[in-house]
Amino acid sequence: MPLLTRYRDEICSFNDDIQGTAAVTVGTLIAASRAAGSQLSEQKIVFLGAGSAGCGIAEQIIAQTQREGLSEDAARQNVFYGRSLRPVDGPDA
Protein backbone atom coordinates (compact mmCIF):
# COMPACT_ATOMS: atom_id res chain seq x y z
CA MET A 1 0.00 0.00 0.00
CA PRO A 2 2.96 2.39 0.11
CA LEU A 3 2.54 3.25 -3.59
CA LEU A 4 -1.14 4.07 -3.10
CA THR A 5 -0.26 6.30 -0.16
CA ARG A 6 2.68 7.96 -1.92
CA TYR A 7 0.75 8.99 -5.03
CA ARG A 8 -2.73 9.48 -3.55
CA ASP A 9 -2.63 13.28 -4.05
CA GLU A 10 -1.01 13.13 -7.52
CA ILE A 11 -2.68 10.29 -9.43
CA CYS A 12 -6.26 9.07 -9.33
CA SER A 13 -5.83 5.31 -8.98
CA PHE A 14 -7.71 2.25 -7.79
CA ASN A 15 -6.06 -1.04 -6.90
CA ASP A 16 -8.71 -3.73 -7.24
CA ASP A 17 -6.69 -6.31 -5.26
CA ILE A 18 -6.45 -3.98 -2.28
CA GLN A 19 -9.35 -1.53 -2.47
CA GLY A 20 -11.90 -3.58 -4.43
CA THR A 21 -11.52 -6.69 -2.31
CA ALA A 22 -11.64 -4.55 0.82
CA ALA A 23 -14.84 -2.77 -0.24
CA VAL A 24 -16.68 -6.03 -0.92
CA THR A 25 -15.39 -7.68 2.26
CA VAL A 26 -16.18 -4.76 4.55
CA GLY A 27 -19.64 -4.41 3.03
CA THR A 28 -20.27 -8.09 3.73
CA LEU A 29 -18.98 -7.76 7.31
CA ILE A 30 -21.23 -4.74 7.92
CA ALA A 31 -24.26 -6.69 6.62
CA ALA A 32 -23.38 -9.74 8.72
CA SER A 33 -22.93 -7.60 11.83
CA ARG A 34 -26.30 -5.91 11.27
CA ALA A 35 -27.97 -9.30 10.73
CA ALA A 36 -26.52 -10.35 14.10
CA GLY A 37 -27.88 -7.17 15.72
CA SER A 38 -24.50 -5.53 16.28
CA GLN A 39 -21.99 -3.24 14.60
CA LEU A 40 -18.69 -4.10 12.96
CA SER A 41 -16.97 -2.09 15.72
CA GLU A 42 -18.11 -4.75 18.22
CA GLN A 43 -16.36 -7.58 16.35
CA LYS A 44 -12.84 -8.99 16.56
CA ILE A 45 -11.36 -9.76 13.13
CA VAL A 46 -8.44 -12.17 12.60
CA PHE A 47 -6.42 -12.45 9.37
CA LEU A 48 -4.22 -15.40 8.53
CA GLY A 49 -1.36 -13.71 6.73
CA ALA A 50 -0.79 -10.08 5.85
CA GLY A 51 -0.71 -9.80 2.07
CA SER A 52 -1.78 -6.71 0.18
CA ALA A 53 -5.46 -7.71 0.06
CA GLY A 54 -5.54 -8.56 3.77
CA CYS A 55 -3.83 -5.30 4.69
CA GLY A 56 -6.28 -3.34 2.53
CA ILE A 57 -9.22 -5.09 4.14
CA ALA A 58 -7.81 -4.44 7.62
CA GLU A 59 -7.36 -0.74 6.91
CA GLN A 60 -10.94 -0.46 5.60
CA ILE A 61 -12.28 -2.30 8.66
CA ILE A 62 -10.36 0.12 10.87
CA ALA A 63 -11.75 3.11 8.93
CA GLN A 64 -15.32 1.76 9.17
CA THR A 65 -15.11 1.08 12.89
CA GLN A 66 -13.80 4.61 13.39
CA ARG A 67 -16.89 5.88 11.53
CA GLU A 68 -18.92 3.82 14.01
CA GLY A 69 -17.31 5.72 16.89
CA LEU A 70 -14.08 3.94 17.87
CA SER A 71 -10.79 5.79 18.20
CA GLU A 72 -8.05 4.66 15.83
CA ASP A 73 -6.26 2.85 18.67
CA ALA A 74 -9.43 1.06 19.77
CA ALA A 75 -10.23 0.14 16.15
CA ARG A 76 -6.76 -1.35 15.68
CA GLN A 77 -7.16 -3.41 18.86
CA ASN A 78 -10.03 -5.31 17.17
CA VAL A 79 -8.01 -6.43 14.12
CA PHE A 80 -5.32 -9.12 14.28
CA TYR A 81 -2.86 -10.65 11.78
CA GLY A 82 -1.35 -14.09 11.58
CA ARG A 83 -0.41 -16.72 14.12
CA SER A 84 0.67 -14.37 16.90
CA LEU A 85 -2.72 -12.63 17.16
CA ARG A 86 -0.99 -9.29 17.65
CA PRO A 87 -3.04 -6.11 17.17
CA VAL A 88 -2.62 -4.22 13.91
CA ASP A 89 -0.17 -1.41 14.65
CA GLY A 90 0.03 0.36 11.32
CA PRO A 91 -0.60 0.13 7.59
CA ASP A 92 2.77 -1.56 7.03
CA ALA A 93 2.35 -4.07 9.89
PDB file of N, CA and C in Angstrom:
ATOM      1  N   MET A   1       0.792  -1.191   0.000  1.00  0.00           N
ATOM      2  CA  MET A   1       0.000   0.000   0.000  1.00  0.00           C
ATOM      3  C   MET A   1       0.842   1.267   0.000  1.00  0.00           C
ATOM      4  N   PRO A   2       2.161   1.161   0.149  1.00  0.00           N
ATOM      5  CA  PRO A   2       2.965   2.386   0.113  1.00  0.00           C
ATOM      6  C   PRO A   2       2.817   3.180  -1.180  1.00  0.00           C
ATOM      7  N   LEU A   3       2.702   2.510  -2.330  1.00  0.00           N
ATOM      8  CA  LEU A   3       2.539   3.248  -3.589  1.00  0.00           C
ATOM      9  C   LEU A   3       1.218   4.000  -3.630  1.00  0.00           C
ATOM     10  N   LEU A   4       0.149   3.382  -3.142  1.00  0.00           N
ATOM     11  CA  LEU A   4      -1.143   4.075  -3.101  1.00  0.00           C
ATOM     12  C   LEU A   4      -1.056   5.312  -2.221  1.00  0.00           C
ATOM     13  N   THR A   5      -0.399   5.174  -1.090  1.00  0.00           N
ATOM     14  CA  THR A   5      -0.256   6.296  -0.163  1.00  0.00           C
ATOM     15  C   THR A   5       0.622   7.386  -0.771  1.00  0.00           C
ATOM     16  N   ARG A   6       1.732   6.988  -1.372  1.00  0.00           N
ATOM     17  CA  ARG A   6       2.684   7.961  -1.916  1.00  0.00           C
ATOM     18  C   ARG A   6       2.057   8.833  -2.998  1.00  0.00           C
ATOM     19  N   TYR A   7       1.273   8.249  -3.882  1.00  0.00           N
ATOM     20  CA  TYR A   7       0.748   8.989  -5.032  1.00  0.00           C
ATOM     21  C   TYR A   7      -0.718   9.389  -4.904  1.00  0.00           C
ATOM     22  N   ARG A   8      -1.295   9.214  -3.731  1.00  0.00           N
ATOM     23  CA  ARG A   8      -2.730   9.482  -3.546  1.00  0.00           C
ATOM     24  C   ARG A   8      -3.134  10.895  -3.955  1.00  0.00           C
ATOM     25  N   ASP A   9      -2.283  11.895  -3.726  1.00  0.00           N
ATOM     26  CA  ASP A   9      -2.627  13.281  -4.052  1.00  0.00           C
ATOM     27  C   ASP A   9      -2.212  13.689  -5.470  1.00  0.00           C
ATOM     28  N   GLU A  10      -1.507  12.793  -6.189  1.00  0.00           N
ATOM     29  CA  GLU A  10      -1.010  13.129  -7.519  1.00  0.00           C
ATOM     30  C   GLU A  10      -1.721  12.381  -8.639  1.00  0.00           C
ATOM     31  N   ILE A  11      -2.110  11.139  -8.389  1.00  0.00           N
ATOM     32  CA  ILE A  11      -2.680  10.288  -9.433  1.00  0.00           C
ATOM     33  C   ILE A  11      -3.959   9.646  -8.907  1.00  0.00           C
ATOM     34  N   CYS A  12      -5.019   9.742  -9.682  1.00  0.00           N
ATOM     35  CA  CYS A  12      -6.260   9.066  -9.326  1.00  0.00           C
ATOM     36  C   CYS A  12      -6.101   7.593  -9.697  1.00  0.00           C
ATOM     37  N   SER A  13      -6.039   6.727  -8.698  1.00  0.00           N
ATOM     38  CA  SER A  13      -5.832   5.311  -8.984  1.00  0.00           C
ATOM     39  C   SER A  13      -6.702   4.446  -8.085  1.00  0.00           C
ATOM     40  N   PHE A  14      -6.902   3.222  -8.527  1.00  0.00           N
ATOM     41  CA  PHE A  14      -7.710   2.254  -7.792  1.00  0.00           C
ATOM     42  C   PHE A  14      -7.039   0.902  -7.953  1.00  0.00           C
ATOM     43  N   ASN A  15      -6.664   0.277  -6.863  1.00  0.00           N
ATOM     44  CA  ASN A  15      -6.058  -1.044  -6.903  1.00  0.00           C
ATOM     45  C   ASN A  15      -7.122  -2.055  -6.513  1.00  0.00           C
ATOM     46  N   ASP A  16      -7.615  -2.795  -7.485  1.00  0.00           N
ATOM     47  CA  ASP A  16      -8.709  -3.735  -7.237  1.00  0.00           C
ATOM     48  C   ASP A  16      -8.340  -4.792  -6.202  1.00  0.00           C
ATOM     49  N   ASP A  17      -7.094  -5.282  -6.228  1.00  0.00           N
ATOM     50  CA  ASP A  17      -6.688  -6.305  -5.264  1.00  0.00           C
ATOM     51  C   ASP A  17      -6.768  -5.799  -3.831  1.00  0.00           C
ATOM     52  N   ILE A  18      -6.446  -4.546  -3.626  1.00  0.00           N
ATOM     53  CA  ILE A  18      -6.449  -3.975  -2.276  1.00  0.00           C
ATOM     54  C   ILE A  18      -7.795  -3.323  -1.977  1.00  0.00           C
ATOM     55  N   GLN A  19      -8.163  -2.330  -2.767  1.00  0.00           N
ATOM     56  CA  GLN A  19      -9.347  -1.534  -2.469  1.00  0.00           C
ATOM     57  C   GLN A  19     -10.650  -2.219  -2.863  1.00  0.00           C
ATOM     58  N   GLY A  20     -10.671  -2.903  -3.998  1.00  0.00           N
ATOM     59  CA  GLY A  20     -11.898  -3.577  -4.433  1.00  0.00           C
ATOM     60  C   GLY A  20     -12.265  -4.732  -3.520  1.00  0.00           C
ATOM     61  N   THR A  21     -11.286  -5.568  -3.224  1.00  0.00           N
ATOM     62  CA  THR A  21     -11.520  -6.691  -2.313  1.00  0.00           C
ATOM     63  C   THR A  21     -11.937  -6.180  -0.947  1.00  0.00           C
ATOM     64  N   ALA A  22     -11.305  -5.113  -0.486  1.00  0.00           N
ATOM     65  CA  ALA A  22     -11.642  -4.547   0.822  1.00  0.00           C
ATOM     66  C   ALA A  22     -13.067  -4.015   0.844  1.00  0.00           C
ATOM     67  N   ALA A  23     -13.483  -3.333  -0.203  1.00  0.00           N
ATOM     68  CA  ALA A  23     -14.838  -2.769  -0.235  1.00  0.00           C
ATOM     69  C   ALA A  23     -15.895  -3.866  -0.154  1.00  0.00           C
ATOM     70  N   VAL A  24     -15.716  -4.925  -0.929  1.00  0.00           N
ATOM     71  CA  VAL A  24     -16.681  -6.030  -0.920  1.00  0.00           C
ATOM     72  C   VAL A  24     -16.678  -6.732   0.436  1.00  0.00           C
ATOM     73  N   THR A  25     -15.497  -6.979   0.976  1.00  0.00           N
ATOM     74  CA  THR A  25     -15.390  -7.683   2.256  1.00  0.00           C
ATOM     75  C   THR A  25     -15.987  -6.873   3.391  1.00  0.00           C
ATOM     76  N   VAL A  26     -15.654  -5.591   3.465  1.00  0.00           N
ATOM     77  CA  VAL A  26     -16.175  -4.758   4.550  1.00  0.00           C
ATOM     78  C   VAL A  26     -17.688  -4.604   4.428  1.00  0.00           C
ATOM     79  N   GLY A  27     -18.189  -4.465   3.218  1.00  0.00           N
ATOM     80  CA  GLY A  27     -19.641  -4.412   3.029  1.00  0.00           C
ATOM     81  C   GLY A  27     -20.322  -5.670   3.538  1.00  0.00           C
ATOM     82  N   THR A  28     -19.727  -6.813   3.255  1.00  0.00           N
ATOM     83  CA  THR A  28     -20.266  -8.087   3.727  1.00  0.00           C
ATOM     84  C   THR A  28     -20.211  -8.177   5.247  1.00  0.00           C
ATOM     85  N   LEU A  29     -19.107  -7.736   5.844  1.00  0.00           N
ATOM     86  CA  LEU A  29     -18.981  -7.760   7.306  1.00  0.00           C
ATOM     87  C   LEU A  29     -19.981  -6.821   7.978  1.00  0.00           C
ATOM     88  N   ILE A  30     -20.227  -5.668   7.377  1.00  0.00           N
ATOM     89  CA  ILE A  30     -21.233  -4.742   7.917  1.00  0.00           C
ATOM     90  C   ILE A  30     -22.607  -5.401   7.880  1.00  0.00           C
ATOM     91  N   ALA A  31     -22.950  -6.019   6.745  1.00  0.00           N
ATOM     92  CA  ALA A  31     -24.255  -6.686   6.618  1.00  0.00           C
ATOM     93  C   ALA A  31     -24.389  -7.837   7.612  1.00  0.00           C
ATOM     94  N   ALA A  32     -23.337  -8.618   7.773  1.00  0.00           N
ATOM     95  CA  ALA A  32     -23.376  -9.737   8.719  1.00  0.00           C
ATOM     96  C   ALA A  32     -23.523  -9.238  10.152  1.00  0.00           C
ATOM     97  N   SER A  33     -22.822  -8.169  10.480  1.00  0.00           N
ATOM     98  CA  SER A  33     -22.934  -7.597  11.829  1.00  0.00           C
ATOM     99  C   SER A  33     -24.348  -7.100  12.085  1.00  0.00           C
ATOM    100  N   ARG A  34     -24.917  -6.404  11.119  1.00  0.00           N
ATOM    101  CA  ARG A  34     -26.299  -5.911  11.266  1.00  0.00           C
ATOM    102  C   ARG A  34     -27.278  -7.066  11.420  1.00  0.00           C
ATOM    103  N   ALA A  35     -27.091  -8.135  10.639  1.00  0.00           N
ATOM    104  CA  ALA A  35     -27.973  -9.305  10.734  1.00  0.00           C
ATOM    105  C   ALA A  35     -27.887  -9.942  12.118  1.00  0.00           C
ATOM    106  N   ALA A  36     -26.721  -9.811  12.750  1.00  0.00           N
ATOM    107  CA  ALA A  36     -26.524 -10.350  14.095  1.00  0.00           C
ATOM    108  C   ALA A  36     -26.959  -9.362  15.174  1.00  0.00           C
ATOM    109  N   GLY A  37     -27.422  -8.172  14.762  1.00  0.00           N
ATOM    110  CA  GLY A  37     -27.880  -7.172  15.721  1.00  0.00           C
ATOM    111  C   GLY A  37     -26.767  -6.396  16.389  1.00  0.00           C
ATOM    112  N   SER A  38     -25.628  -6.271  15.702  1.00  0.00           N
ATOM    113  CA  SER A  38     -24.504  -5.527  16.277  1.00  0.00           C
ATOM    114  C   SER A  38     -23.871  -4.648  15.205  1.00  0.00           C
ATOM    115  N   GLN A  39     -22.748  -4.047  15.548  1.00  0.00           N
ATOM    116  CA  GLN A  39     -21.986  -3.239  14.599  1.00  0.00           C
ATOM    117  C   GLN A  39     -20.641  -3.910  14.366  1.00  0.00           C
ATOM    118  N   LEU A  40     -20.013  -3.574  13.257  1.00  0.00           N
ATOM    119  CA  LEU A  40     -18.685  -4.100  12.963  1.00  0.00           C
ATOM    120  C   LEU A  40     -17.703  -3.724  14.069  1.00  0.00           C
ATOM    121  N   SER A  41     -17.875  -2.552  14.661  1.00  0.00           N
ATOM    122  CA  SER A  41     -16.967  -2.095  15.720  1.00  0.00           C
ATOM    123  C   SER A  41     -17.014  -2.970  16.969  1.00  0.00           C
ATOM    124  N   GLU A  42     -17.999  -3.838  17.081  1.00  0.00           N
ATOM    125  CA  GLU A  42     -18.109  -4.748  18.222  1.00  0.00           C
ATOM    126  C   GLU A  42     -17.452  -6.101  17.951  1.00  0.00           C
ATOM    127  N   GLN A  43     -16.934  -6.290  16.746  1.00  0.00           N
ATOM    128  CA  GLN A  43     -16.364  -7.577  16.345  1.00  0.00           C
ATOM    129  C   GLN A  43     -14.847  -7.579  16.481  1.00  0.00           C
ATOM    130  N   LYS A  44     -14.279  -8.767  16.652  1.00  0.00           N
ATOM    131  CA  LYS A  44     -12.837  -8.992  16.555  1.00  0.00           C
ATOM    132  C   LYS A  44     -12.609  -9.683  15.219  1.00  0.00           C
ATOM    133  N   ILE A  45     -11.635  -9.212  14.452  1.00  0.00           N
ATOM    134  CA  ILE A  45     -11.357  -9.756  13.126  1.00  0.00           C
ATOM    135  C   ILE A  45      -9.930 -10.295  13.115  1.00  0.00           C
ATOM    136  N   VAL A  46      -9.762 -11.536  12.657  1.00  0.00           N
ATOM    137  CA  VAL A  46      -8.443 -12.172  12.605  1.00  0.00           C
ATOM    138  C   VAL A  46      -8.110 -12.517  11.155  1.00  0.00           C
ATOM    139  N   PHE A  47      -6.919 -12.129  10.704  1.00  0.00           N
ATOM    140  CA  PHE A  47      -6.419 -12.446   9.368  1.00  0.00           C
ATOM    141  C   PHE A  47      -5.309 -13.475   9.481  1.00  0.00           C
ATOM    142  N   LEU A  48      -5.331 -14.472   8.628  1.00  0.00           N
ATOM    143  CA  LEU A  48      -4.222 -15.402   8.531  1.00  0.00           C
ATOM    144  C   LEU A  48      -3.352 -14.911   7.384  1.00  0.00           C
ATOM    145  N   GLY A  49      -2.232 -14.317   7.728  1.00  0.00           N
ATOM    146  CA  GLY A  49      -1.363 -13.707   6.733  1.00  0.00           C
ATOM    147  C   GLY A  49      -1.633 -12.218   6.613  1.00  0.00           C
ATOM    148  N   ALA A  50      -0.680 -11.533   5.981  1.00  0.00           N
ATOM    149  CA  ALA A  50      -0.793 -10.080   5.852  1.00  0.00           C
ATOM    150  C   ALA A  50      -0.350  -9.645   4.457  1.00  0.00           C
ATOM    151  N   GLY A  51      -0.984 -10.217   3.440  1.00  0.00           N
ATOM    152  CA  GLY A  51      -0.705  -9.803   2.065  1.00  0.00           C
ATOM    153  C   GLY A  51      -1.380  -8.480   1.757  1.00  0.00           C
ATOM    154  N   SER A  52      -1.234  -8.024   0.527  1.00  0.00           N
ATOM    155  CA  SER A  52      -1.780  -6.710   0.175  1.00  0.00           C
ATOM    156  C   SER A  52      -3.296  -6.663   0.319  1.00  0.00           C
ATOM    157  N   ALA A  53      -3.999  -7.717  -0.082  1.00  0.00           N
ATOM    158  CA  ALA A  53      -5.461  -7.715   0.059  1.00  0.00           C
ATOM    159  C   ALA A  53      -5.860  -7.694   1.529  1.00  0.00           C
ATOM    160  N   GLY A  54      -5.225  -8.523   2.338  1.00  0.00           N
ATOM    161  CA  GLY A  54      -5.542  -8.557   3.767  1.00  0.00           C
ATOM    162  C   GLY A  54      -5.267  -7.233   4.450  1.00  0.00           C
ATOM    163  N   CYS A  55      -4.153  -6.606   4.096  1.00  0.00           N
ATOM    164  CA  CYS A  55      -3.831  -5.300   4.685  1.00  0.00           C
ATOM    165  C   CYS A  55      -4.845  -4.241   4.257  1.00  0.00           C
ATOM    166  N   GLY A  56      -5.263  -4.282   2.998  1.00  0.00           N
ATOM    167  CA  GLY A  56      -6.279  -3.337   2.529  1.00  0.00           C
ATOM    168  C   GLY A  56      -7.604  -3.533   3.240  1.00  0.00           C
ATOM    169  N   ILE A  57      -7.986  -4.793   3.424  1.00  0.00           N
ATOM    170  CA  ILE A  57      -9.224  -5.091   4.145  1.00  0.00           C
ATOM    171  C   ILE A  57      -9.124  -4.594   5.579  1.00  0.00           C
ATOM    172  N   ALA A  58      -7.996  -4.875   6.231  1.00  0.00           N
ATOM    173  CA  ALA A  58      -7.814  -4.441   7.621  1.00  0.00           C
ATOM    174  C   ALA A  58      -7.928  -2.928   7.747  1.00  0.00           C
ATOM    175  N   GLU A  59      -7.296  -2.197   6.838  1.00  0.00           N
ATOM    176  CA  GLU A  59      -7.357  -0.736   6.909  1.00  0.00           C
ATOM    177  C   GLU A  59      -8.780  -0.230   6.696  1.00  0.00           C
ATOM    178  N   GLN A  60      -9.546  -0.871   5.813  1.00  0.00           N
ATOM    179  CA  GLN A  60     -10.936  -0.458   5.601  1.00  0.00           C
ATOM    180  C   GLN A  60     -11.816  -0.816   6.797  1.00  0.00           C
ATOM    181  N   ILE A  61     -11.546  -1.944   7.438  1.00  0.00           N
ATOM    182  CA  ILE A  61     -12.275  -2.295   8.664  1.00  0.00           C
ATOM    183  C   ILE A  61     -11.999  -1.255   9.739  1.00  0.00           C
ATOM    184  N   ILE A  62     -10.738  -0.881   9.873  1.00  0.00           N
ATOM    185  CA  ILE A  62     -10.362   0.125  10.870  1.00  0.00           C
ATOM    186  C   ILE A  62     -11.066   1.449  10.568  1.00  0.00           C
ATOM    187  N   ALA A  63     -11.076   1.854   9.303  1.00  0.00           N
ATOM    188  CA  ALA A  63     -11.755   3.106   8.928  1.00  0.00           C
ATOM    189  C   ALA A  63     -13.253   3.030   9.229  1.00  0.00           C
ATOM    190  N   GLN A  64     -13.881   1.906   8.907  1.00  0.00           N
ATOM    191  CA  GLN A  64     -15.318   1.759   9.165  1.00  0.00           C
ATOM    192  C   GLN A  64     -15.622   1.792  10.656  1.00  0.00           C
ATOM    193  N   THR A  65     -14.820   1.102  11.453  1.00  0.00           N
ATOM    194  CA  THR A  65     -15.107   1.079  12.889  1.00  0.00           C
ATOM    195  C   THR A  65     -14.842   2.442  13.528  1.00  0.00           C
ATOM    196  N   GLN A  66     -13.955   3.230  12.932  1.00  0.00           N
ATOM    197  CA  GLN A  66     -13.797   4.612  13.392  1.00  0.00           C
ATOM    198  C   GLN A  66     -15.052   5.420  13.058  1.00  0.00           C
ATOM    199  N   ARG A  67     -15.636   5.200  11.882  1.00  0.00           N
ATOM    200  CA  ARG A  67     -16.891   5.882  11.533  1.00  0.00           C
ATOM    201  C   ARG A  67     -18.012   5.483  12.494  1.00  0.00           C
ATOM    202  N   GLU A  68     -17.912   4.286  13.053  1.00  0.00           N
ATOM    203  CA  GLU A  68     -18.917   3.820  14.010  1.00  0.00           C
ATOM    204  C   GLU A  68     -18.633   4.318  15.425  1.00  0.00           C
ATOM    205  N   GLY A  69     -17.547   5.081  15.610  1.00  0.00           N
ATOM    206  CA  GLY A  69     -17.309   5.718  16.892  1.00  0.00           C
ATOM    207  C   GLY A  69     -16.057   5.322  17.646  1.00  0.00           C
ATOM    208  N   LEU A  70     -15.302   4.334  17.158  1.00  0.00           N
ATOM    209  CA  LEU A  70     -14.084   3.944  17.866  1.00  0.00           C
ATOM    210  C   LEU A  70     -12.942   4.907  17.544  1.00  0.00           C
ATOM    211  N   SER A  71     -12.029   5.059  18.488  1.00  0.00           N
ATOM    212  CA  SER A  71     -10.793   5.786  18.200  1.00  0.00           C
ATOM    213  C   SER A  71      -9.938   4.901  17.298  1.00  0.00           C
ATOM    214  N   GLU A  72      -8.917   5.474  16.678  1.00  0.00           N
ATOM    215  CA  GLU A  72      -8.045   4.659  15.826  1.00  0.00           C
ATOM    216  C   GLU A  72      -7.386   3.549  16.636  1.00  0.00           C
ATOM    217  N   ASP A  73      -6.897   3.877  17.833  1.00  0.00           N
ATOM    218  CA  ASP A  73      -6.258   2.851  18.669  1.00  0.00           C
ATOM    219  C   ASP A  73      -7.225   1.733  19.022  1.00  0.00           C
ATOM    220  N   ALA A  74      -8.436   2.085  19.418  1.00  0.00           N
ATOM    221  CA  ALA A  74      -9.434   1.064  19.766  1.00  0.00           C
ATOM    222  C   ALA A  74      -9.796   0.228  18.544  1.00  0.00           C
ATOM    223  N   ALA A  75      -9.908   0.863  17.382  1.00  0.00           N
ATOM    224  CA  ALA A  75     -10.232   0.136  16.150  1.00  0.00           C
ATOM    225  C   ALA A  75      -9.135  -0.866  15.815  1.00  0.00           C
ATOM    226  N   ARG A  76      -7.885  -0.454  15.978  1.00  0.00           N
ATOM    227  CA  ARG A  76      -6.757  -1.347  15.683  1.00  0.00           C
ATOM    228  C   ARG A  76      -6.673  -2.509  16.673  1.00  0.00           C
ATOM    229  N   GLN A  77      -7.184  -2.334  17.868  1.00  0.00           N
ATOM    230  CA  GLN A  77      -7.163  -3.413  18.860  1.00  0.00           C
ATOM    231  C   GLN A  77      -8.147  -4.534  18.520  1.00  0.00           C
ATOM    232  N   ASN A  78      -9.044  -4.303  17.577  1.00  0.00           N
ATOM    233  CA  ASN A  78     -10.032  -5.312  17.173  1.00  0.00           C
ATOM    234  C   ASN A  78      -9.614  -6.104  15.942  1.00  0.00           C
ATOM    235  N   VAL A  79      -8.461  -5.781  15.354  1.00  0.00           N
ATOM    236  CA  VAL A  79      -8.011  -6.430  14.123  1.00  0.00           C
ATOM    237  C   VAL A  79      -6.653  -7.076  14.379  1.00  0.00           C
ATOM    238  N   PHE A  80      -6.538  -8.356  14.009  1.00  0.00           N
ATOM    239  CA  PHE A  80      -5.322  -9.120  14.278  1.00  0.00           C
ATOM    240  C   PHE A  80      -4.830  -9.799  13.008  1.00  0.00           C
ATOM    241  N   TYR A  81      -3.486  -9.953  12.911  1.00  0.00           N
ATOM    242  CA  TYR A  81      -2.856 -10.653  11.783  1.00  0.00           C
ATOM    243  C   TYR A  81      -2.173 -11.919  12.275  1.00  0.00           C
ATOM    244  N   GLY A  82      -2.222 -12.940  11.468  1.00  0.00           N
ATOM    245  CA  GLY A  82      -1.349 -14.088  11.579  1.00  0.00           C
ATOM    246  C   GLY A  82      -1.458 -14.952  12.812  1.00  0.00           C
ATOM    247  N   ARG A  83      -0.419 -15.733  13.046  1.00  0.00           N
ATOM    248  CA  ARG A  83      -0.405 -16.717  14.121  1.00  0.00           C
ATOM    249  C   ARG A  83      -0.251 -16.108  15.500  1.00  0.00           C
ATOM    250  N   SER A  84       0.387 -14.941  15.579  1.00  0.00           N
ATOM    251  CA  SER A  84       0.669 -14.370  16.898  1.00  0.00           C
ATOM    252  C   SER A  84      -0.525 -13.653  17.507  1.00  0.00           C
ATOM    253  N   LEU A  85      -1.540 -13.367  16.708  1.00  0.00           N
ATOM    254  CA  LEU A  85      -2.721 -12.627  17.159  1.00  0.00           C
ATOM    255  C   LEU A  85      -2.347 -11.288  17.781  1.00  0.00           C
ATOM    256  N   ARG A  86      -1.380 -10.616  17.151  1.00  0.00           N
ATOM    257  CA  ARG A  86      -0.995  -9.295  17.654  1.00  0.00           C
ATOM    258  C   ARG A  86      -1.878  -8.234  17.014  1.00  0.00           C
ATOM    259  N   PRO A  87      -2.203  -7.166  17.741  1.00  0.00           N
ATOM    260  CA  PRO A  87      -3.036  -6.108  17.166  1.00  0.00           C
ATOM    261  C   PRO A  87      -2.349  -5.445  15.978  1.00  0.00           C
ATOM    262  N   VAL A  88      -3.141  -4.957  15.058  1.00  0.00           N
ATOM    263  CA  VAL A  88      -2.618  -4.223  13.912  1.00  0.00           C
ATOM    264  C   VAL A  88      -2.049  -2.913  14.426  1.00  0.00           C
ATOM    265  N   ASP A  89      -0.770  -2.636  14.119  1.00  0.00           N
ATOM    266  CA  ASP A  89      -0.173  -1.412  14.647  1.00  0.00           C
ATOM    267  C   ASP A  89       0.226  -0.434  13.559  1.00  0.00           C
ATOM    268  N   GLY A  90      -0.249  -0.610  12.368  1.00  0.00           N
ATOM    269  CA  GLY A  90       0.029   0.358  11.317  1.00  0.00           C
ATOM    270  C   GLY A  90      -0.224  -0.234   9.949  1.00  0.00           C
ATOM    271  N   PRO A  91      -0.290   0.611   8.930  1.00  0.00           N
ATOM    272  CA  PRO A  91      -0.602   0.130   7.587  1.00  0.00           C
ATOM    273  C   PRO A  91       0.468  -0.788   7.013  1.00  0.00           C
ATOM    274  N   ASP A  92       1.693  -0.704   7.529  1.00  0.00           N
ATOM    275  CA  ASP A  92       2.772  -1.556   7.026  1.00  0.00           C
ATOM    276  C   ASP A  92       3.053  -2.719   7.959  1.00  0.00           C
ATOM    277  N   ALA A  93       2.139  -2.991   8.899  1.00  0.00           N
ATOM    278  CA  ALA A  93       2.350  -4.066   9.888  1.00  0.00           C
ATOM    279  C   ALA A  93       2.411  -5.420   9.229  1.00  0.00           C
TER     280      ALA A  93
END
